[in-house]
Amino acid sequence: MIIPDLASYLVNNVGLNAGELRWVYLVGGVATLFTMNGIGRLADRFGRMRMFGIMMVFSMVAAFLITHLPVVPATVAIATSTFFMISMTGALCASDHDDHQQRDSCASGWFYEYQLVCGPI
C-alpha cells in the first residue's frame, strides 16, 4: 500500500516540505490527465493485454523507485512520483476495455467515480 502513505513518506523520508508536496500531486495529476488518453489509444493500437503488460512493468519499476527513494531534491521526487502515478493509472486504463469504440471510457469512468466521491462539478 503505497498511495495512502505517499505524502507522509515523501515528507518524512525524502525530505519534502508541505509546499513542495502540493507540486507532487499537481504535476502527477496533470501528467496523468494528459497521458491517460494516449495510453488508451496505444492499447487500442497494440492490444489491451500487451499494453497492460508493458504498463505493469513500468508500474513495478515505479513502485520500486518510489519506495527506495533517498533524500533527493524536490524535482527528482516530483519526477519519480509523477512516473509512479502515470504508470499505475496507465495500467488501469490499459486493462479497462478491449473495444476500441470505448476509447475514452477510461477517462469518463474516472470522472464518474470522482463525481461519486466529491459531488457534481
PDB file of N, CA and C in Angstrom:
ATOM      1  N   MET A   1       0.834  -1.170   0.000  1.00  0.00           N
ATOM      2  CA  MET A   1       0.000   0.000   0.000  1.00  0.00           C
ATOM      3  C   MET A   1       0.883   1.238   0.000  1.00  0.00           C
ATOM      4  N   ILE A   2       1.104   1.764  -1.166  1.00  0.00           N
ATOM      5  CA  ILE A   2       1.988   2.907  -1.327  1.00  0.00           C
ATOM      6  C   ILE A   2       1.202   4.213  -1.282  1.00  0.00           C
ATOM      7  N   ILE A   3       0.086   4.257  -1.950  1.00  0.00           N
ATOM      8  CA  ILE A   3      -0.620   5.518  -2.145  1.00  0.00           C
ATOM      9  C   ILE A   3      -1.098   6.151  -0.834  1.00  0.00           C
ATOM     10  N   PRO A   4      -1.658   5.413   0.124  1.00  0.00           N
ATOM     11  CA  PRO A   4      -2.096   6.083   1.358  1.00  0.00           C
ATOM     12  C   PRO A   4      -0.951   6.706   2.155  1.00  0.00           C
ATOM     13  N   ASP A   5       0.241   6.163   2.037  1.00  0.00           N
ATOM     14  CA  ASP A   5       1.380   6.653   2.810  1.00  0.00           C
ATOM     15  C   ASP A   5       2.346   7.507   1.996  1.00  0.00           C
ATOM     16  N   LEU A   6       1.992   7.835   0.769  1.00  0.00           N
ATOM     17  CA  LEU A   6       2.915   8.552  -0.102  1.00  0.00           C
ATOM     18  C   LEU A   6       3.274   9.930   0.451  1.00  0.00           C
ATOM     19  N   ALA A   7       2.300  10.678   0.915  1.00  0.00           N
ATOM     20  CA  ALA A   7       2.572  12.034   1.400  1.00  0.00           C
ATOM     21  C   ALA A   7       3.479  12.012   2.628  1.00  0.00           C
ATOM     22  N   SER A   8       3.165  11.168   3.597  1.00  0.00           N
ATOM     23  CA  SER A   8       4.000  11.123   4.803  1.00  0.00           C
ATOM     24  C   SER A   8       5.386  10.572   4.495  1.00  0.00           C
ATOM     25  N   TYR A   9       5.487   9.633   3.562  1.00  0.00           N
ATOM     26  CA  TYR A   9       6.785   9.094   3.176  1.00  0.00           C
ATOM     27  C   TYR A   9       7.655  10.176   2.523  1.00  0.00           C
ATOM     28  N   LEU A  10       7.045  10.936   1.611  1.00  0.00           N
ATOM     29  CA  LEU A  10       7.817  11.973   0.921  1.00  0.00           C
ATOM     30  C   LEU A  10       8.256  13.079   1.878  1.00  0.00           C
ATOM     31  N   VAL A  11       7.443  13.394   2.867  1.00  0.00           N
ATOM     32  CA  VAL A  11       7.810  14.435   3.826  1.00  0.00           C
ATOM     33  C   VAL A  11       8.838  13.912   4.823  1.00  0.00           C
ATOM     34  N   ASN A  12       8.593  12.752   5.411  1.00  0.00           N
ATOM     35  CA  ASN A  12       9.448  12.250   6.488  1.00  0.00           C
ATOM     36  C   ASN A  12      10.736  11.585   6.005  1.00  0.00           C
ATOM     37  N   ASN A  13      10.692  10.891   4.889  1.00  0.00           N
ATOM     38  CA  ASN A  13      11.870  10.124   4.446  1.00  0.00           C
ATOM     39  C   ASN A  13      12.638  10.782   3.309  1.00  0.00           C
ATOM     40  N   VAL A  14      11.932  11.452   2.426  1.00  0.00           N
ATOM     41  CA  VAL A  14      12.581  12.035   1.256  1.00  0.00           C
ATOM     42  C   VAL A  14      12.981  13.481   1.511  1.00  0.00           C
ATOM     43  N   GLY A  15      12.326  14.133   2.462  1.00  0.00           N
ATOM     44  CA  GLY A  15      12.718  15.478   2.843  1.00  0.00           C
ATOM     45  C   GLY A  15      11.949  16.598   2.181  1.00  0.00           C
ATOM     46  N   LEU A  16      10.795  16.306   1.600  1.00  0.00           N
ATOM     47  CA  LEU A  16       9.985  17.376   1.022  1.00  0.00           C
ATOM     48  C   LEU A  16       9.259  18.125   2.140  1.00  0.00           C
ATOM     49  N   ASN A  17       8.971  19.394   1.887  1.00  0.00           N
ATOM     50  CA  ASN A  17       8.131  20.121   2.833  1.00  0.00           C
ATOM     51  C   ASN A  17       6.719  20.208   2.268  1.00  0.00           C
ATOM     52  N   ALA A  18       5.800  20.769   3.047  1.00  0.00           N
ATOM     53  CA  ALA A  18       4.395  20.809   2.636  1.00  0.00           C
ATOM     54  C   ALA A  18       4.199  21.614   1.351  1.00  0.00           C
ATOM     55  N   GLY A  19       4.986  22.653   1.157  1.00  0.00           N
ATOM     56  CA  GLY A  19       4.877  23.444  -0.067  1.00  0.00           C
ATOM     57  C   GLY A  19       5.277  22.662  -1.307  1.00  0.00           C
ATOM     58  N   GLU A  20       6.278  21.834  -1.164  1.00  0.00           N
ATOM     59  CA  GLU A  20       6.724  21.018  -2.302  1.00  0.00           C
ATOM     60  C   GLU A  20       5.801  19.830  -2.529  1.00  0.00           C
ATOM     61  N   LEU A  21       5.136  19.394  -1.478  1.00  0.00           N
ATOM     62  CA  LEU A  21       4.250  18.238  -1.591  1.00  0.00           C
ATOM     63  C   LEU A  21       3.063  18.527  -2.497  1.00  0.00           C
ATOM     64  N   ARG A  22       2.580  19.751  -2.489  1.00  0.00           N
ATOM     65  CA  ARG A  22       1.449  20.065  -3.371  1.00  0.00           C
ATOM     66  C   ARG A  22       1.845  19.948  -4.830  1.00  0.00           C
ATOM     67  N   TRP A  23       3.131  20.210  -5.158  1.00  0.00           N
ATOM     68  CA  TRP A  23       3.587  20.065  -6.535  1.00  0.00           C
ATOM     69  C   TRP A  23       3.612  18.603  -6.975  1.00  0.00           C
ATOM     70  N   VAL A  24       3.855  17.707  -6.037  1.00  0.00           N
ATOM     71  CA  VAL A  24       3.829  16.271  -6.351  1.00  0.00           C
ATOM     72  C   VAL A  24       2.466  15.898  -6.912  1.00  0.00           C
ATOM     73  N   TYR A  25       1.418  16.295  -6.225  1.00  0.00           N
ATOM     74  CA  TYR A  25       0.070  15.936  -6.657  1.00  0.00           C
ATOM     75  C   TYR A  25      -0.401  16.753  -7.850  1.00  0.00           C
ATOM     76  N   LEU A  26       0.006  17.996  -7.944  1.00  0.00           N
ATOM     77  CA  LEU A  26      -0.394  18.817  -9.087  1.00  0.00           C
ATOM     78  C   LEU A  26       0.243  18.301 -10.372  1.00  0.00           C
ATOM     79  N   VAL A  27       1.546  18.129 -10.364  1.00  0.00           N
ATOM     80  CA  VAL A  27       2.249  17.665 -11.564  1.00  0.00           C
ATOM     81  C   VAL A  27       1.825  16.231 -11.915  1.00  0.00           C
ATOM     82  N   GLY A  28       1.732  15.375 -10.905  1.00  0.00           N
ATOM     83  CA  GLY A  28       1.315  13.997 -11.156  1.00  0.00           C
ATOM     84  C   GLY A  28      -0.098  13.900 -11.698  1.00  0.00           C
ATOM     85  N   GLY A  29      -1.000  14.695 -11.157  1.00  0.00           N
ATOM     86  CA  GLY A  29      -2.380  14.674 -11.630  1.00  0.00           C
ATOM     87  C   GLY A  29      -2.527  15.201 -13.034  1.00  0.00           C
ATOM     88  N   VAL A  30      -1.848  16.299 -13.337  1.00  0.00           N
ATOM     89  CA  VAL A  30      -1.928  16.873 -14.686  1.00  0.00           C
ATOM     90  C   VAL A  30      -1.281  15.926 -15.702  1.00  0.00           C
ATOM     91  N   ALA A  31      -0.139  15.362 -15.346  1.00  0.00           N
ATOM     92  CA  ALA A  31       0.524  14.419 -16.263  1.00  0.00           C
ATOM     93  C   ALA A  31      -0.338  13.182 -16.501  1.00  0.00           C
ATOM     94  N   THR A  32      -0.977  12.700 -15.465  1.00  0.00           N
ATOM     95  CA  THR A  32      -1.871  11.547 -15.610  1.00  0.00           C
ATOM     96  C   THR A  32      -3.053  11.892 -16.499  1.00  0.00           C
ATOM     97  N   LEU A  33      -3.600  13.069 -16.305  1.00  0.00           N
ATOM     98  CA  LEU A  33      -4.735  13.505 -17.110  1.00  0.00           C
ATOM     99  C   LEU A  33      -4.387  13.530 -18.591  1.00  0.00           C
ATOM    100  N   PHE A  34      -3.187  14.006 -18.925  1.00  0.00           N
ATOM    101  CA  PHE A  34      -2.814  14.121 -20.327  1.00  0.00           C
ATOM    102  C   PHE A  34      -2.300  12.817 -20.936  1.00  0.00           C
ATOM    103  N   THR A  35      -1.790  11.908 -20.130  1.00  0.00           N
ATOM    104  CA  THR A  35      -1.255  10.668 -20.693  1.00  0.00           C
ATOM    105  C   THR A  35      -2.275   9.535 -20.743  1.00  0.00           C
ATOM    106  N   MET A  36      -3.359   9.644 -19.999  1.00  0.00           N
ATOM    107  CA  MET A  36      -4.329   8.555 -19.943  1.00  0.00           C
ATOM    108  C   MET A  36      -4.952   8.275 -21.316  1.00  0.00           C
ATOM    109  N   ASN A  37      -5.313   9.307 -22.042  1.00  0.00           N
ATOM    110  CA  ASN A  37      -5.910   9.115 -23.356  1.00  0.00           C
ATOM    111  C   ASN A  37      -4.906   8.492 -24.326  1.00  0.00           C
ATOM    112  N   GLY A  38      -3.647   8.925 -24.246  1.00  0.00           N
ATOM    113  CA  GLY A  38      -2.622   8.343 -25.115  1.00  0.00           C
ATOM    114  C   GLY A  38      -2.378   6.870 -24.820  1.00  0.00           C
ATOM    115  N   ILE A  39      -2.393   6.514 -23.559  1.00  0.00           N
ATOM    116  CA  ILE A  39      -2.217   5.105 -23.196  1.00  0.00           C
ATOM    117  C   ILE A  39      -3.402   4.290 -23.684  1.00  0.00           C
ATOM    118  N   GLY A  40      -4.597   4.857 -23.599  1.00  0.00           N
ATOM    119  CA  GLY A  40      -5.774   4.171 -24.136  1.00  0.00           C
ATOM    120  C   GLY A  40      -5.683   3.971 -25.636  1.00  0.00           C
ATOM    121  N   ARG A  41      -5.175   4.963 -26.336  1.00  0.00           N
ATOM    122  CA  ARG A  41      -5.008   4.824 -27.793  1.00  0.00           C
ATOM    123  C   ARG A  41      -3.951   3.771 -28.136  1.00  0.00           C
ATOM    124  N   LEU A  42      -2.865   3.746 -27.349  1.00  0.00           N
ATOM    125  CA  LEU A  42      -1.855   2.711 -27.574  1.00  0.00           C
ATOM    126  C   LEU A  42      -2.425   1.318 -27.293  1.00  0.00           C
ATOM    127  N   ALA A  43      -3.286   1.221 -26.296  1.00  0.00           N
ATOM    128  CA  ALA A  43      -3.934  -0.061 -26.012  1.00  0.00           C
ATOM    129  C   ALA A  43      -4.842  -0.477 -27.165  1.00  0.00           C
ATOM    130  N   ASP A  44      -5.506   0.478 -27.792  1.00  0.00           N
ATOM    131  CA  ASP A  44      -6.323   0.171 -28.964  1.00  0.00           C
ATOM    132  C   ASP A  44      -5.451  -0.295 -30.123  1.00  0.00           C
ATOM    133  N   ARG A  45      -4.313   0.316 -30.281  1.00  0.00           N
ATOM    134  CA  ARG A  45      -3.456   0.025 -31.425  1.00  0.00           C
ATOM    135  C   ARG A  45      -2.691  -1.284 -31.277  1.00  0.00           C
ATOM    136  N   PHE A  46      -2.121  -1.515 -30.092  1.00  0.00           N
ATOM    137  CA  PHE A  46      -1.244  -2.672 -29.905  1.00  0.00           C
ATOM    138  C   PHE A  46      -1.871  -3.810 -29.113  1.00  0.00           C
ATOM    139  N   GLY A  47      -3.060  -3.601 -28.630  1.00  0.00           N
ATOM    140  CA  GLY A  47      -3.740  -4.644 -27.869  1.00  0.00           C
ATOM    141  C   GLY A  47      -3.749  -4.330 -26.379  1.00  0.00           C
ATOM    142  N   ARG A  48      -4.880  -4.619 -25.795  1.00  0.00           N
ATOM    143  CA  ARG A  48      -5.089  -4.292 -24.396  1.00  0.00           C
ATOM    144  C   ARG A  48      -4.147  -5.059 -23.485  1.00  0.00           C
ATOM    145  N   MET A  49      -3.981  -6.336 -23.709  1.00  0.00           N
ATOM    146  CA  MET A  49      -3.135  -7.155 -22.833  1.00  0.00           C
ATOM    147  C   MET A  49      -1.660  -6.806 -22.978  1.00  0.00           C
ATOM    148  N   ARG A  50      -1.214  -6.532 -24.184  1.00  0.00           N
ATOM    149  CA  ARG A  50       0.184  -6.159 -24.382  1.00  0.00           C
ATOM    150  C   ARG A  50       0.485  -4.834 -23.671  1.00  0.00           C
ATOM    151  N   MET A  51      -0.401  -3.873 -23.833  1.00  0.00           N
ATOM    152  CA  MET A  51      -0.198  -2.572 -23.187  1.00  0.00           C
ATOM    153  C   MET A  51      -0.307  -2.695 -21.670  1.00  0.00           C
ATOM    154  N   PHE A  52      -1.209  -3.540 -21.206  1.00  0.00           N
ATOM    155  CA  PHE A  52      -1.326  -3.769 -19.771  1.00  0.00           C
ATOM    156  C   PHE A  52      -0.029  -4.366 -19.222  1.00  0.00           C
ATOM    157  N   GLY A  53       0.545  -5.310 -19.936  1.00  0.00           N
ATOM    158  CA  GLY A  53       1.808  -5.912 -19.511  1.00  0.00           C
ATOM    159  C   GLY A  53       2.942  -4.900 -19.463  1.00  0.00           C
ATOM    160  N   ILE A  54       3.017  -4.065 -20.474  1.00  0.00           N
ATOM    161  CA  ILE A  54       4.054  -3.025 -20.503  1.00  0.00           C
ATOM    162  C   ILE A  54       3.871  -2.060 -19.341  1.00  0.00           C
ATOM    163  N   MET A  55       2.638  -1.635 -19.128  1.00  0.00           N
ATOM    164  CA  MET A  55       2.373  -0.687 -18.049  1.00  0.00           C
ATOM    165  C   MET A  55       2.585  -1.324 -16.673  1.00  0.00           C
ATOM    166  N   MET A  56       2.359  -2.616 -16.554  1.00  0.00           N
ATOM    167  CA  MET A  56       2.623  -3.289 -15.273  1.00  0.00           C
ATOM    168  C   MET A  56       4.121  -3.341 -14.984  1.00  0.00           C
ATOM    169  N   VAL A  57       4.931  -3.541 -16.009  1.00  0.00           N
ATOM    170  CA  VAL A  57       6.383  -3.499 -15.816  1.00  0.00           C
ATOM    171  C   VAL A  57       6.802  -2.097 -15.376  1.00  0.00           C
ATOM    172  N   PHE A  58       6.258  -1.078 -16.060  1.00  0.00           N
ATOM    173  CA  PHE A  58       6.539   0.301 -15.641  1.00  0.00           C
ATOM    174  C   PHE A  58       6.067   0.554 -14.210  1.00  0.00           C
ATOM    175  N   SER A  59       4.924  -0.014 -13.853  1.00  0.00           N
ATOM    176  CA  SER A  59       4.393   0.161 -12.502  1.00  0.00           C
ATOM    177  C   SER A  59       5.294  -0.467 -11.456  1.00  0.00           C
ATOM    178  N   MET A  60       5.822  -1.640 -11.762  1.00  0.00           N
ATOM    179  CA  MET A  60       6.731  -2.295 -10.806  1.00  0.00           C
ATOM    180  C   MET A  60       8.017  -1.484 -10.631  1.00  0.00           C
ATOM    181  N   VAL A  61       8.546  -0.986 -11.743  1.00  0.00           N
ATOM    182  CA  VAL A  61       9.753  -0.158 -11.667  1.00  0.00           C
ATOM    183  C   VAL A  61       9.460   1.116 -10.873  1.00  0.00           C
ATOM    184  N   ALA A  62       8.327   1.741 -11.151  1.00  0.00           N
ATOM    185  CA  ALA A  62       7.965   2.975 -10.451  1.00  0.00           C
ATOM    186  C   ALA A  62       7.743   2.727  -8.961  1.00  0.00           C
ATOM    187  N   ALA A  63       7.100   1.612  -8.614  1.00  0.00           N
ATOM    188  CA  ALA A  63       6.875   1.294  -7.203  1.00  0.00           C
ATOM    189  C   ALA A  63       8.203   1.053  -6.493  1.00  0.00           C
ATOM    190  N   PHE A  64       9.122   0.372  -7.158  1.00  0.00           N
ATOM    191  CA  PHE A  64      10.448   0.159  -6.559  1.00  0.00           C
ATOM    192  C   PHE A  64      11.171   1.488  -6.359  1.00  0.00           C
ATOM    193  N   LEU A  65      11.130   2.346  -7.381  1.00  0.00           N
ATOM    194  CA  LEU A  65      11.825   3.631  -7.283  1.00  0.00           C
ATOM    195  C   LEU A  65      11.244   4.510  -6.187  1.00  0.00           C
ATOM    196  N   ILE A  66       9.937   4.574  -6.102  1.00  0.00           N
ATOM    197  CA  ILE A  66       9.326   5.479  -5.130  1.00  0.00           C
ATOM    198  C   ILE A  66       9.511   4.976  -3.705  1.00  0.00           C
ATOM    199  N   THR A  67       9.572   3.666  -3.509  1.00  0.00           N
ATOM    200  CA  THR A  67       9.738   3.140  -2.147  1.00  0.00           C
ATOM    201  C   THR A  67      11.192   3.087  -1.705  1.00  0.00           C
ATOM    202  N   HIS A  68      12.129   3.249  -2.610  1.00  0.00           N
ATOM    203  CA  HIS A  68      13.547   3.234  -2.265  1.00  0.00           C
ATOM    204  C   HIS A  68      14.201   4.597  -2.508  1.00  0.00           C
ATOM    205  N   LEU A  69      13.391   5.640  -2.536  1.00  0.00           N
ATOM    206  CA  LEU A  69      13.891   6.977  -2.821  1.00  0.00           C
ATOM    207  C   LEU A  69      14.581   7.548  -1.582  1.00  0.00           C
ATOM    208  N   PRO A  70      15.857   7.899  -1.688  1.00  0.00           N
ATOM    209  CA  PRO A  70      16.540   8.521  -0.540  1.00  0.00           C
ATOM    210  C   PRO A  70      16.200  10.021  -0.488  1.00  0.00           C
ATOM    211  N   VAL A  71      16.886  10.751   0.352  1.00  0.00           N
ATOM    212  CA  VAL A  71      16.713  12.205   0.387  1.00  0.00           C
ATOM    213  C   VAL A  71      17.269  12.768  -0.917  1.00  0.00           C
ATOM    214  N   VAL A  72      16.379  13.373  -1.703  1.00  0.00           N
ATOM    215  CA  VAL A  72      16.734  13.895  -3.029  1.00  0.00           C
ATOM    216  C   VAL A  72      16.134  15.288  -3.174  1.00  0.00           C
ATOM    217  N   PRO A  73      16.581  16.040  -4.186  1.00  0.00           N
ATOM    218  CA  PRO A  73      15.944  17.333  -4.457  1.00  0.00           C
ATOM    219  C   PRO A  73      14.462  17.155  -4.825  1.00  0.00           C
ATOM    220  N   ALA A  74      13.711  18.207  -4.654  1.00  0.00           N
ATOM    221  CA  ALA A  74      12.264  18.142  -4.904  1.00  0.00           C
ATOM    222  C   ALA A  74      11.947  17.761  -6.344  1.00  0.00           C
ATOM    223  N   THR A  75      12.748  18.217  -7.295  1.00  0.00           N
ATOM    224  CA  THR A  75      12.463  17.901  -8.698  1.00  0.00           C
ATOM    225  C   THR A  75      12.559  16.408  -8.974  1.00  0.00           C
ATOM    226  N   VAL A  76      13.518  15.736  -8.346  1.00  0.00           N
ATOM    227  CA  VAL A  76      13.659  14.284  -8.525  1.00  0.00           C
ATOM    228  C   VAL A  76      12.479  13.563  -7.887  1.00  0.00           C
ATOM    229  N   ALA A  77      12.072  14.006  -6.705  1.00  0.00           N
ATOM    230  CA  ALA A  77      10.928  13.387  -6.034  1.00  0.00           C
ATOM    231  C   ALA A  77       9.646  13.604  -6.831  1.00  0.00           C
ATOM    232  N   ILE A  78       9.471  14.797  -7.391  1.00  0.00           N
ATOM    233  CA  ILE A  78       8.282  15.077  -8.192  1.00  0.00           C
ATOM    234  C   ILE A  78       8.287  14.241  -9.465  1.00  0.00           C
ATOM    235  N   ALA A  79       9.430  14.133 -10.125  1.00  0.00           N
ATOM    236  CA  ALA A  79       9.516  13.322 -11.346  1.00  0.00           C
ATOM    237  C   ALA A  79       9.252  11.845 -11.051  1.00  0.00           C
ATOM    238  N   THR A  80       9.796  11.337  -9.960  1.00  0.00           N
ATOM    239  CA  THR A  80       9.594   9.935  -9.612  1.00  0.00           C
ATOM    240  C   THR A  80       8.139   9.661  -9.264  1.00  0.00           C
ATOM    241  N   SER A  81       7.532  10.536  -8.481  1.00  0.00           N
ATOM    242  CA  SER A  81       6.127  10.320  -8.123  1.00  0.00           C
ATOM    243  C   SER A  81       5.211  10.501  -9.332  1.00  0.00           C
ATOM    244  N   THR A  82       5.568  11.374 -10.251  1.00  0.00           N
ATOM    245  CA  THR A  82       4.787  11.531 -11.479  1.00  0.00           C
ATOM    246  C   THR A  82       4.865  10.266 -12.324  1.00  0.00           C
ATOM    247  N   PHE A  83       6.048   9.698 -12.452  1.00  0.00           N
ATOM    248  CA  PHE A  83       6.207   8.428 -13.169  1.00  0.00           C
ATOM    249  C   PHE A  83       5.380   7.332 -12.505  1.00  0.00           C
ATOM    250  N   PHE A  84       5.365   7.308 -11.187  1.00  0.00           N
ATOM    251  CA  PHE A  84       4.568   6.335 -10.438  1.00  0.00           C
ATOM    252  C   PHE A  84       3.080   6.508 -10.736  1.00  0.00           C
ATOM    253  N   MET A  85       2.585   7.732 -10.694  1.00  0.00           N
ATOM    254  CA  MET A  85       1.159   7.978 -10.928  1.00  0.00           C
ATOM    255  C   MET A  85       0.752   7.649 -12.360  1.00  0.00           C
ATOM    256  N   ILE A  86       1.588   8.019 -13.315  1.00  0.00           N
ATOM    257  CA  ILE A  86       1.277   7.724 -14.716  1.00  0.00           C
ATOM    258  C   ILE A  86       1.260   6.224 -14.960  1.00  0.00           C
ATOM    259  N   SER A  87       2.237   5.505 -14.437  1.00  0.00           N
ATOM    260  CA  SER A  87       2.313   4.072 -14.708  1.00  0.00           C
ATOM    261  C   SER A  87       1.185   3.311 -14.025  1.00  0.00           C
ATOM    262  N   MET A  88       0.821   3.683 -12.816  1.00  0.00           N
ATOM    263  CA  MET A  88      -0.284   2.999 -12.133  1.00  0.00           C
ATOM    264  C   MET A  88      -1.615   3.264 -12.834  1.00  0.00           C
ATOM    265  N   THR A  89      -1.871   4.502 -13.182  1.00  0.00           N
ATOM    266  CA  THR A  89      -3.114   4.833 -13.870  1.00  0.00           C
ATOM    267  C   THR A  89      -3.121   4.249 -15.278  1.00  0.00           C
ATOM    268  N   GLY A  90      -1.974   4.225 -15.920  1.00  0.00           N
ATOM    269  CA  GLY A  90      -1.889   3.644 -17.261  1.00  0.00           C
ATOM    270  C   GLY A  90      -2.196   2.169 -17.270  1.00  0.00           C
ATOM    271  N   ALA A  91      -1.761   1.450 -16.251  1.00  0.00           N
ATOM    272  CA  ALA A  91      -2.078   0.025 -16.170  1.00  0.00           C
ATOM    273  C   ALA A  91      -3.576  -0.181 -15.987  1.00  0.00           C
ATOM    274  N   LEU A  92      -4.198   0.646 -15.185  1.00  0.00           N
ATOM    275  CA  LEU A  92      -5.650   0.535 -15.002  1.00  0.00           C
ATOM    276  C   LEU A  92      -6.391   0.896 -16.281  1.00  0.00           C
ATOM    277  N   CYS A  93      -5.929   1.925 -16.950  1.00  0.00           N
ATOM    278  CA  CYS A  93      -6.580   2.369 -18.176  1.00  0.00           C
ATOM    279  C   CYS A  93      -6.416   1.336 -19.294  1.00  0.00           C
ATOM    280  N   ALA A  94      -5.242   0.753 -19.399  1.00  0.00           N
ATOM    281  CA  ALA A  94      -4.999  -0.248 -20.447  1.00  0.00           C
ATOM    282  C   ALA A  94      -5.812  -1.509 -20.215  1.00  0.00           C
ATOM    283  N   SER A  95      -6.110  -1.818 -18.976  1.00  0.00           N
ATOM    284  CA  SER A  95      -6.869  -3.036 -18.694  1.00  0.00           C
ATOM    285  C   SER A  95      -8.366  -2.800 -18.686  1.00  0.00           C
ATOM    286  N   ASP A  96      -8.804  -1.579 -18.935  1.00  0.00           N
ATOM    287  CA  ASP A  96     -10.210  -1.228 -18.766  1.00  0.00           C
ATOM    288  C   ASP A  96     -11.110  -1.849 -19.829  1.00  0.00           C
ATOM    289  N   HIS A  97     -10.835  -1.627 -21.099  1.00  0.00           N
ATOM    290  CA  HIS A  97     -11.706  -2.102 -22.176  1.00  0.00           C
ATOM    291  C   HIS A  97     -10.864  -2.617 -23.326  1.00  0.00           C
ATOM    292  N   ASP A  98     -11.389  -3.606 -24.018  1.00  0.00           N
ATOM    293  CA  ASP A  98     -10.696  -4.065 -25.210  1.00  0.00           C
ATOM    294  C   ASP A  98     -11.417  -3.641 -26.486  1.00  0.00           C
ATOM    295  N   ASP A  99     -12.500  -2.929 -26.379  1.00  0.00           N
ATOM    296  CA  ASP A  99     -13.237  -2.449 -27.537  1.00  0.00           C
ATOM    297  C   ASP A  99     -12.757  -1.043 -27.895  1.00  0.00           C
ATOM    298  N   HIS A 100     -12.219  -0.879 -29.096  1.00  0.00           N
ATOM    299  CA  HIS A 100     -11.668   0.422 -29.473  1.00  0.00           C
ATOM    300  C   HIS A 100     -12.750   1.494 -29.587  1.00  0.00           C
ATOM    301  N   GLN A 101     -14.009   1.116 -29.662  1.00  0.00           N
ATOM    302  CA  GLN A 101     -15.082   2.108 -29.708  1.00  0.00           C
ATOM    303  C   GLN A 101     -15.259   2.801 -28.366  1.00  0.00           C
ATOM    304  N   GLN A 102     -14.736   2.196 -27.301  1.00  0.00           N
ATOM    305  CA  GLN A 102     -14.881   2.769 -25.968  1.00  0.00           C
ATOM    306  C   GLN A 102     -13.571   3.404 -25.519  1.00  0.00           C
ATOM    307  N   ARG A 103     -12.875   4.052 -26.416  1.00  0.00           N
ATOM    308  CA  ARG A 103     -11.546   4.607 -26.184  1.00  0.00           C
ATOM    309  C   ARG A 103     -11.505   5.555 -24.987  1.00  0.00           C
ATOM    310  N   ASP A 104     -12.470   6.431 -24.876  1.00  0.00           N
ATOM    311  CA  ASP A 104     -12.443   7.439 -23.829  1.00  0.00           C
ATOM    312  C   ASP A 104     -13.201   7.010 -22.580  1.00  0.00           C
ATOM    313  N   SER A 105     -13.620   5.764 -22.524  1.00  0.00           N
ATOM    314  CA  SER A 105     -14.413   5.340 -21.379  1.00  0.00           C
ATOM    315  C   SER A 105     -13.591   5.294 -20.101  1.00  0.00           C
ATOM    316  N   CYS A 106     -12.287   5.093 -20.216  1.00  0.00           N
ATOM    317  CA  CYS A 106     -11.460   5.080 -19.011  1.00  0.00           C
ATOM    318  C   CYS A 106     -11.473   6.443 -18.357  1.00  0.00           C
ATOM    319  N   ALA A 107     -11.251   7.481 -19.140  1.00  0.00           N
ATOM    320  CA  ALA A 107     -11.256   8.830 -18.580  1.00  0.00           C
ATOM    321  C   ALA A 107     -12.632   9.196 -18.060  1.00  0.00           C
ATOM    322  N   SER A 108     -13.688   8.828 -18.792  1.00  0.00           N
ATOM    323  CA  SER A 108     -15.022   9.164 -18.314  1.00  0.00           C
ATOM    324  C   SER A 108     -15.384   8.350 -17.080  1.00  0.00           C
ATOM    325  N   GLY A 109     -14.862   7.124 -16.977  1.00  0.00           N
ATOM    326  CA  GLY A 109     -15.095   6.321 -15.781  1.00  0.00           C
ATOM    327  C   GLY A 109     -14.447   6.933 -14.555  1.00  0.00           C
ATOM    328  N   TRP A 110     -13.234   7.433 -14.735  1.00  0.00           N
ATOM    329  CA  TRP A 110     -12.559   8.109 -13.619  1.00  0.00           C
ATOM    330  C   TRP A 110     -13.321   9.362 -13.219  1.00  0.00           C
ATOM    331  N   PHE A 111     -13.825  10.108 -14.200  1.00  0.00           N
ATOM    332  CA  PHE A 111     -14.570  11.319 -13.906  1.00  0.00           C
ATOM    333  C   PHE A 111     -15.865  10.982 -13.175  1.00  0.00           C
ATOM    334  N   TYR A 112     -16.520   9.911 -13.588  1.00  0.00           N
ATOM    335  CA  TYR A 112     -17.750   9.482 -12.931  1.00  0.00           C
ATOM    336  C   TYR A 112     -17.472   9.095 -11.479  1.00  0.00           C
ATOM    337  N   GLU A 113     -16.397   8.356 -11.244  1.00  0.00           N
ATOM    338  CA  GLU A 113     -16.036   7.983  -9.877  1.00  0.00           C
ATOM    339  C   GLU A 113     -15.688   9.211  -9.053  1.00  0.00           C
ATOM    340  N   TYR A 114     -15.033  10.183  -9.655  1.00  0.00           N
ATOM    341  CA  TYR A 114     -14.712  11.425  -8.945  1.00  0.00           C
ATOM    342  C   TYR A 114     -15.986  12.129  -8.521  1.00  0.00           C
ATOM    343  N   GLN A 115     -16.976  12.162  -9.404  1.00  0.00           N
ATOM    344  CA  GLN A 115     -18.230  12.819  -9.057  1.00  0.00           C
ATOM    345  C   GLN A 115     -18.964  12.067  -7.951  1.00  0.00           C
ATOM    346  N   LEU A 116     -18.862  10.730  -7.941  1.00  0.00           N
ATOM    347  CA  LEU A 116     -19.496   9.973  -6.878  1.00  0.00           C
ATOM    348  C   LEU A 116     -18.881  10.295  -5.521  1.00  0.00           C
ATOM    349  N   VAL A 117     -17.576  10.473  -5.500  1.00  0.00           N
ATOM    350  CA  VAL A 117     -16.890  10.729  -4.246  1.00  0.00           C
ATOM    351  C   VAL A 117     -16.989  12.190  -3.828  1.00  0.00           C
ATOM    352  N   CYS A 118     -16.763  13.101  -4.765  1.00  0.00           N
ATOM    353  CA  CYS A 118     -16.635  14.513  -4.434  1.00  0.00           C
ATOM    354  C   CYS A 118     -17.885  15.338  -4.717  1.00  0.00           C
ATOM    355  N   GLY A 119     -18.837  14.771  -5.400  1.00  0.00           N
ATOM    356  CA  GLY A 119     -20.039  15.530  -5.751  1.00  0.00           C
ATOM    357  C   GLY A 119     -19.929  16.104  -7.148  1.00  0.00           C
ATOM    358  N   PRO A 120     -21.024  16.618  -7.663  1.00  0.00           N
ATOM    359  CA  PRO A 120     -21.004  17.156  -9.027  1.00  0.00           C
ATOM    360  C   PRO A 120     -20.142  18.403  -9.127  1.00  0.00           C
ATOM    361  N   ILE A 121     -19.578  18.578 -10.294  1.00  0.00           N
ATOM    362  CA  ILE A 121     -18.734  19.754 -10.545  1.00  0.00           C
ATOM    363  C   ILE A 121     -19.557  20.850 -11.151  1.00  0.00           C
TER     364      ILE A 121
END
